[in-house]
Amino acid sequence: MNKRTLLLAGAAMATSALTAALPAAAQTFPDKPVRVVVPFAAGNTLDTALRQVAEEFRRNTGQQLLVDNRPGGGGNIAAIAVAQAPADGYTLLLSNTSMLAINPHTFSKLPYDAEKSFKPVSGFLGASLVLAVNASAVPANNLKEFVAWTKSKPGAVSYASFTAGNSSHFAGVLLNRRAGLDMVHVPYNGTPPAVQNLVGGQVQAAFLPLLAVKPHVESGKVKVLAVSTPKRSPLLPNVPTFTEEGYPDLEIYIWAGFSAPAATPDAVIARLNAELTKALNSPEIQQKWRDIDFEPLPMSPDRYRSFVQSDSKRWAEAVKLSGFKASE
């Protein structure tokens, strides 16, 4: 059992013990639907995953998780809506890597405080980034060969991200720095156009979710050279991790988690954590997500807080190296 598994198992046990000792009022929570504000449009993969968890939540509690899509503003619109909501546990934010760990370093001023405006509830899911390359344009079959090939073409190799100022952007910044490369960053407005241009050869490489490129790997148009998660993906068991290839700084999760308004009572947070942990640990969710390279990440509130803080420190370095500043 690895360290991450032990941490998650311990968090689940601690949450169960705490739930048994909750005040009666918290034990009856929720007695009406819980609204989850999502910073993405309906149909996004995270939105779809949340709706699957909502089914488990309803089965276990008798109440709905109502998905409230508030896209735009780099997540700021959704964040403000939750920060200003009543602190009663009935409004949650589905926050992601950018909103809590990256935006504080790219925006000179945010309309929310990533640590003080919210109270952590639980992690939600993690997914891998992969270094994918156009199979016909890139002769390399592994990361070592790709580094050597790219070094022979300074400034001529480009990599796509699904947006500027995000993990897929800064993964390339880190690889440039650690491997001594000079790849040119080409940002896109979302994953689909980045995938389209990778397949079409307008860019030679990309840092993208595995799920987005897997059909093109199967067709032979794209090769995946490394995955960012601590362990190899069961979907591509022959592809090594960046850590295996000598780049531990590129061990990157694309993650999301649940937060509540800062003044939400601890007893209500504990109740929410217990119910979300139960839903995320369900066999149905485990199986559905395994097939699409998602990993459930239930955590205690304290563990989730530490997880976010640690990730924020790592992205601070990448942002500084890139010199990137968000337009405000």
Protein backbone atom coordinates (compact mmCIF):
# COMPACT_ATOMS: atom_id res chain seq x y z
CA MET A 1 0.00 0.00 0.00
CA ASN A 2 1.55 3.34 -1.05
CA LYS A 3 1.70 6.54 0.97
CA ARG A 4 -1.24 8.15 -0.86
CA THR A 5 -3.45 5.12 -0.25
CA LEU A 6 -2.56 5.09 3.44
CA LEU A 7 -3.36 8.79 3.77
CA LEU A 8 -6.74 8.42 2.09
CA ALA A 9 -7.63 5.34 4.13
CA GLY A 10 -6.68 7.13 7.34
CA ALA A 11 -8.75 10.15 6.36
CA ALA A 12 -11.80 7.99 5.72
CA MET A 13 -11.45 6.25 9.12
CA ALA A 14 -11.04 9.56 10.93
CA THR A 15 -14.09 10.99 9.17
CA SER A 16 -16.22 7.98 10.16
CA ALA A 17 -15.21 8.34 13.78
CA LEU A 18 -15.98 12.05 13.79
CA THR A 19 -19.38 11.57 12.19
CA ALA A 20 -20.48 9.29 15.03
CA ALA A 21 -19.82 12.11 17.50
CA LEU A 22 -21.54 14.91 15.58
CA PRO A 23 -24.24 17.07 17.21
CA ALA A 24 -27.77 15.97 16.44
CA ALA A 25 -28.42 18.99 14.20
CA ALA A 26 -25.45 18.12 12.03
CA GLN A 27 -26.49 14.46 11.88
CA THR A 28 -29.78 15.48 10.26
CA PHE A 29 -27.89 17.50 7.64
CA PRO A 30 -28.71 17.71 4.77
CA ASP A 31 -32.47 18.15 4.92
CA LYS A 32 -32.67 19.93 1.56
CA PRO A 33 -30.66 19.91 -1.70
CA VAL A 34 -27.03 21.03 -1.64
CA ARG A 35 -25.94 23.36 -4.45
CA VAL A 36 -22.49 22.80 -5.97
CA VAL A 37 -21.19 25.74 -7.98
CA VAL A 38 -19.01 24.54 -10.85
CA PRO A 39 -16.63 26.86 -12.75
CA PHE A 40 -17.17 25.01 -16.05
CA ALA A 41 -19.89 24.72 -18.64
CA ALA A 42 -22.26 21.76 -18.52
CA GLY A 43 -20.86 18.72 -20.27
CA ASN A 44 -17.26 19.25 -19.12
CA THR A 45 -15.68 16.00 -17.87
CA LEU A 46 -15.56 17.29 -14.27
CA ASP A 47 -19.19 18.33 -14.54
CA THR A 48 -20.09 14.82 -15.74
CA ALA A 49 -18.11 13.21 -12.91
CA LEU A 50 -19.87 15.41 -10.36
CA ARG A 51 -23.27 14.35 -11.65
CA GLN A 52 -22.24 10.71 -11.16
CA VAL A 53 -21.30 11.45 -7.55
CA ALA A 54 -24.58 13.33 -7.13
CA GLU A 55 -26.44 10.08 -7.84
CA GLU A 56 -24.55 8.32 -5.02
CA PHE A 57 -25.12 11.28 -2.69
CA ARG A 58 -28.86 11.21 -3.36
CA ARG A 59 -29.01 7.46 -2.77
CA ASN A 60 -27.23 7.82 0.57
CA THR A 61 -28.84 11.00 1.93
CA GLY A 62 -32.15 11.33 0.09
CA GLN A 63 -31.07 14.81 -1.04
CA GLN A 64 -29.79 16.09 -4.35
CA LEU A 65 -26.51 17.73 -5.24
CA LEU A 66 -27.69 20.47 -7.57
CA VAL A 67 -25.04 21.36 -10.17
CA ASP A 68 -24.88 25.13 -10.75
CA ASN A 69 -22.60 25.86 -13.72
CA ARG A 70 -20.91 29.29 -13.50
CA PRO A 71 -18.13 29.29 -16.13
CA GLY A 72 -15.86 32.22 -16.92
CA GLY A 73 -13.34 34.54 -15.35
CA GLY A 74 -10.78 31.82 -14.70
CA GLY A 75 -13.09 30.43 -12.02
CA ASN A 76 -13.60 33.83 -10.37
CA ILE A 77 -17.34 33.95 -11.08
CA ALA A 78 -17.96 30.63 -9.34
CA ALA A 79 -15.60 31.46 -6.48
CA ILE A 80 -17.30 34.78 -5.71
CA ALA A 81 -20.75 33.15 -5.78
CA VAL A 82 -19.70 30.67 -3.08
CA ALA A 83 -17.62 33.07 -0.98
CA GLN A 84 -20.69 35.31 -0.67
CA ALA A 85 -23.22 32.49 -0.10
CA PRO A 86 -24.76 31.68 3.30
CA ALA A 87 -22.32 29.62 5.37
CA ASP A 88 -24.78 26.82 6.14
CA GLY A 89 -23.31 23.94 4.14
CA TYR A 90 -25.92 24.13 1.39
CA THR A 91 -23.60 25.86 -1.10
CA LEU A 92 -20.29 24.29 -2.12
CA LEU A 93 -17.61 25.18 -4.64
CA LEU A 94 -16.09 22.58 -6.94
CA SER A 95 -12.65 24.17 -7.04
CA ASN A 96 -9.76 23.01 -9.19
CA THR A 97 -5.98 23.27 -9.39
CA SER A 98 -6.05 26.68 -11.05
CA MET A 99 -8.47 28.40 -8.71
CA LEU A 100 -6.73 27.51 -5.45
CA ALA A 101 -3.12 26.67 -6.36
CA ILE A 102 -2.24 28.61 -9.54
CA ASN A 103 -4.40 31.74 -9.80
CA PRO A 104 -3.01 33.23 -6.56
CA HIS A 105 0.38 33.37 -8.30
CA THR A 106 -0.74 34.56 -11.75
CA PHE A 107 -3.26 37.26 -10.76
CA SER A 108 -1.92 40.36 -9.00
CA LYS A 109 -5.31 40.65 -7.30
CA LEU A 110 -8.12 38.10 -6.94
CA PRO A 111 -11.70 38.82 -5.85
CA TYR A 112 -11.31 36.01 -3.28
CA ASP A 113 -8.60 34.71 -0.96
CA ALA A 114 -7.74 31.11 -1.86
CA GLU A 115 -7.17 30.21 1.80
CA LYS A 116 -9.34 32.61 3.81
CA SER A 117 -12.52 32.82 1.70
CA PHE A 118 -13.26 29.10 1.90
CA LYS A 119 -13.19 26.16 4.27
CA PRO A 120 -11.93 22.85 2.84
CA VAL A 121 -14.44 20.00 2.70
CA SER A 122 -12.81 17.17 0.72
CA GLY A 123 -10.83 16.30 -2.34
CA PHE A 124 -12.87 15.16 -5.34
CA LEU A 125 -10.76 13.61 -8.08
CA GLY A 126 -7.33 13.52 -9.64
CA ALA A 127 -6.31 12.85 -13.23
CA SER A 128 -3.05 12.66 -15.14
CA LEU A 129 -1.47 14.92 -17.68
CA VAL A 130 0.48 13.23 -20.44
CA LEU A 131 3.17 14.41 -22.80
CA ALA A 132 1.63 13.55 -26.16
CA VAL A 133 3.35 14.03 -29.50
CA ASN A 134 2.26 13.92 -33.13
CA ALA A 135 3.34 10.48 -34.32
CA SER A 136 4.24 11.50 -37.86
CA ALA A 137 6.07 14.73 -36.93
CA VAL A 138 8.06 13.48 -33.94
CA PRO A 139 10.44 10.53 -34.44
CA ALA A 140 11.01 10.02 -30.70
CA ASN A 141 9.47 6.96 -29.04
CA ASN A 142 10.36 7.84 -25.46
CA LEU A 143 11.08 10.89 -23.34
CA LYS A 144 14.87 10.59 -23.59
CA GLU A 145 14.69 10.56 -27.37
CA PHE A 146 12.22 13.47 -27.35
CA VAL A 147 14.55 15.59 -25.22
CA ALA A 148 17.48 14.88 -27.54
CA TRP A 149 15.39 15.58 -30.67
CA THR A 150 14.01 18.83 -29.23
CA LYS A 151 17.48 20.02 -28.19
CA SER A 152 18.58 19.59 -31.80
CA LYS A 153 15.82 22.03 -32.88
CA PRO A 154 16.01 25.00 -30.47
CA GLY A 155 12.91 27.17 -30.73
CA ALA A 156 11.41 25.02 -33.49
CA VAL A 157 9.32 22.61 -31.40
CA SER A 158 6.00 23.83 -30.02
CA TYR A 159 3.75 22.38 -27.34
CA ALA A 160 0.05 22.98 -26.79
CA SER A 161 -1.79 23.60 -23.53
CA PHE A 162 -5.53 23.69 -22.96
CA THR A 163 -5.16 27.28 -21.76
CA ALA A 164 -2.50 29.75 -20.70
CA GLY A 165 -1.80 29.98 -16.99
CA ASN A 166 -2.82 26.41 -16.22
CA SER A 167 -1.11 23.16 -15.27
CA SER A 168 -0.79 22.07 -18.91
CA HIS A 169 1.04 25.32 -19.66
CA PHE A 170 3.38 25.19 -16.68
CA ALA A 171 4.19 21.50 -17.15
CA GLY A 172 5.97 22.55 -20.35
CA VAL A 173 7.73 25.37 -18.49
CA LEU A 174 9.04 22.85 -15.97
CA LEU A 175 10.19 20.41 -18.65
CA ASN A 176 11.95 23.21 -20.53
CA ARG A 177 13.75 24.19 -17.34
CA ARG A 178 14.66 20.74 -16.09
CA ALA A 179 15.72 19.31 -19.46
CA GLY A 180 17.29 22.46 -20.91
CA LEU A 181 14.78 22.72 -23.77
CA ASP A 182 13.40 25.68 -25.69
CA MET A 183 9.91 24.52 -26.61
CA VAL A 184 7.49 27.26 -27.66
CA HIS A 185 4.18 27.38 -25.76
CA VAL A 186 0.97 27.57 -27.82
CA PRO A 187 -2.13 28.05 -25.63
CA TYR A 188 -5.63 27.07 -26.75
CA ASN A 189 -9.08 27.89 -25.51
CA GLY A 190 -9.90 24.45 -24.14
CA THR A 191 -8.78 20.87 -24.65
CA PRO A 192 -10.62 20.00 -27.92
CA PRO A 193 -8.84 22.57 -30.14
CA ALA A 194 -5.49 21.68 -28.58
CA VAL A 195 -6.07 18.01 -29.40
CA GLN A 196 -7.22 18.90 -32.92
CA ASN A 197 -4.07 20.87 -33.67
CA LEU A 198 -1.83 18.22 -32.14
CA VAL A 199 -3.37 15.57 -34.39
CA GLY A 200 -3.22 17.96 -37.36
CA GLY A 201 0.47 18.69 -36.81
CA GLN A 202 0.16 22.43 -36.15
CA VAL A 203 1.98 21.70 -32.87
CA GLN A 204 4.37 18.82 -32.33
CA ALA A 205 3.64 18.12 -28.65
CA ALA A 206 1.09 18.82 -25.93
CA PHE A 207 0.47 18.40 -22.23
CA LEU A 208 -3.13 17.19 -22.04
CA PRO A 209 -5.38 14.84 -20.06
CA LEU A 210 -4.89 11.22 -21.07
CA LEU A 211 -8.59 10.77 -21.73
CA ALA A 212 -8.50 13.52 -24.38
CA VAL A 213 -5.77 11.93 -26.50
CA LYS A 214 -6.39 8.22 -25.91
CA PRO A 215 -8.55 7.70 -29.07
CA HIS A 216 -5.75 9.18 -31.18
CA VAL A 217 -3.17 6.98 -29.47
CA GLU A 218 -5.28 3.98 -30.42
CA SER A 219 -5.50 5.21 -34.03
CA GLY A 220 -1.71 5.68 -34.19
CA LYS A 221 -1.82 9.43 -34.81
CA VAL A 222 -0.47 10.34 -31.37
CA LYS A 223 2.19 8.85 -29.12
CA VAL A 224 2.27 9.30 -25.34
CA LEU A 225 5.80 9.50 -23.98
CA ALA A 226 5.17 9.95 -20.24
CA VAL A 227 2.37 10.33 -17.69
CA SER A 228 2.40 12.76 -14.79
CA THR A 229 0.86 10.62 -12.06
CA PRO A 230 2.93 8.83 -9.37
CA LYS A 231 2.04 5.43 -10.86
CA ARG A 232 1.61 4.29 -14.45
CA SER A 233 -1.90 4.55 -15.81
CA PRO A 234 -3.77 1.25 -16.16
CA LEU A 235 -5.02 2.62 -19.47
CA LEU A 236 -1.44 2.84 -20.81
CA PRO A 237 0.57 0.44 -18.64
CA ASN A 238 3.61 0.47 -20.95
CA VAL A 239 4.08 4.25 -20.73
CA PRO A 240 6.44 5.33 -17.93
CA THR A 241 5.87 8.14 -15.46
CA PHE A 242 7.92 11.34 -15.57
CA THR A 243 9.44 10.30 -12.24
CA GLU A 244 10.64 7.03 -13.75
CA GLU A 245 12.21 9.02 -16.56
CA GLY A 246 14.11 11.25 -14.13
CA TYR A 247 11.75 14.25 -13.88
CA PRO A 248 10.04 14.03 -10.46
CA ASP A 249 9.04 17.72 -10.65
CA LEU A 250 6.57 16.74 -13.36
CA GLU A 251 4.58 14.50 -11.04
CA ILE A 252 1.41 16.50 -11.55
CA TYR A 253 -2.21 15.90 -10.67
CA ILE A 254 -5.01 17.73 -12.36
CA TRP A 255 -7.27 17.78 -9.33
CA ALA A 256 -10.52 19.16 -8.04
CA GLY A 257 -12.05 19.38 -4.60
CA PHE A 258 -14.94 20.72 -2.57
CA SER A 259 -14.86 23.93 -0.53
CA ALA A 260 -17.51 25.79 1.47
CA PRO A 261 -17.88 29.42 2.59
CA ALA A 262 -15.33 30.17 5.29
CA ALA A 263 -17.78 30.49 8.19
CA THR A 264 -19.49 27.12 7.63
CA PRO A 265 -19.69 25.23 10.97
CA ASP A 266 -17.11 22.48 11.44
CA ALA A 267 -19.82 19.95 12.31
CA VAL A 268 -21.53 20.55 8.98
CA ILE A 269 -18.19 20.31 7.16
CA ALA A 270 -17.59 16.95 8.85
CA ARG A 271 -21.01 15.70 7.80
CA LEU A 272 -20.45 16.77 4.21
CA ASN A 273 -17.02 15.16 4.24
CA ALA A 274 -18.47 11.88 5.49
CA GLU A 275 -21.17 11.75 2.83
CA LEU A 276 -18.85 12.76 -0.01
CA THR A 277 -16.27 10.21 1.12
CA LYS A 278 -18.95 7.52 1.11
CA ALA A 279 -20.03 8.48 -2.41
CA LEU A 280 -16.47 8.67 -3.77
CA ASN A 281 -15.59 5.29 -2.28
CA SER A 282 -18.57 3.54 -3.85
CA PRO A 283 -17.67 0.63 -6.16
CA GLU A 284 -19.72 2.20 -8.98
CA ILE A 285 -17.72 5.43 -8.93
CA GLN A 286 -14.42 3.57 -8.56
CA GLN A 287 -15.15 1.46 -11.65
CA LYS A 288 -16.58 4.23 -13.83
CA TRP A 289 -13.65 6.52 -13.12
CA ARG A 290 -10.97 3.86 -13.50
CA ASP A 291 -12.09 3.48 -17.10
CA ILE A 292 -11.55 7.19 -17.85
CA ASP A 293 -8.31 7.76 -15.89
CA PHE A 294 -9.97 9.54 -12.95
CA GLU A 295 -8.95 8.73 -9.36
CA PRO A 296 -11.34 9.51 -6.50
CA LEU A 297 -9.54 11.69 -3.93
CA PRO A 298 -11.61 11.74 -0.74
CA MET A 299 -9.64 13.44 2.04
CA SER A 300 -10.29 14.85 5.48
CA PRO A 301 -10.68 18.65 5.51
CA ASP A 302 -7.27 19.09 7.15
CA ARG A 303 -5.59 16.75 4.67
CA TYR A 304 -7.23 18.56 1.75
CA ARG A 305 -6.00 21.91 3.10
CA SER A 306 -2.43 20.59 3.30
CA PHE A 307 -2.71 19.07 -0.18
CA VAL A 308 -3.74 22.41 -1.69
CA GLN A 309 -1.05 24.36 0.17
CA SER A 310 1.64 21.95 -0.98
CA ASP A 311 0.50 22.12 -4.60
CA SER A 312 0.35 25.91 -4.45
CA LYS A 313 4.00 26.09 -3.39
CA ARG A 314 5.04 23.92 -6.31
CA TRP A 315 3.13 26.00 -8.88
CA ALA A 316 4.56 29.24 -7.47
CA GLU A 317 7.97 28.18 -8.81
CA ALA A 318 6.62 27.28 -12.26
CA VAL A 319 4.76 30.59 -12.54
CA LYS A 320 7.87 32.51 -11.56
CA LEU A 321 9.96 30.66 -14.13
CA SER A 322 7.44 31.38 -16.87
CA GLY A 323 7.01 35.08 -16.09
CA PHE A 324 3.31 34.61 -16.90
CA LYS A 325 0.76 37.09 -15.52
CA ALA A 326 -2.98 36.73 -16.04
CA SER A 327 -4.80 39.56 -17.80
CA GLU A 328 -7.25 41.11 -15.36
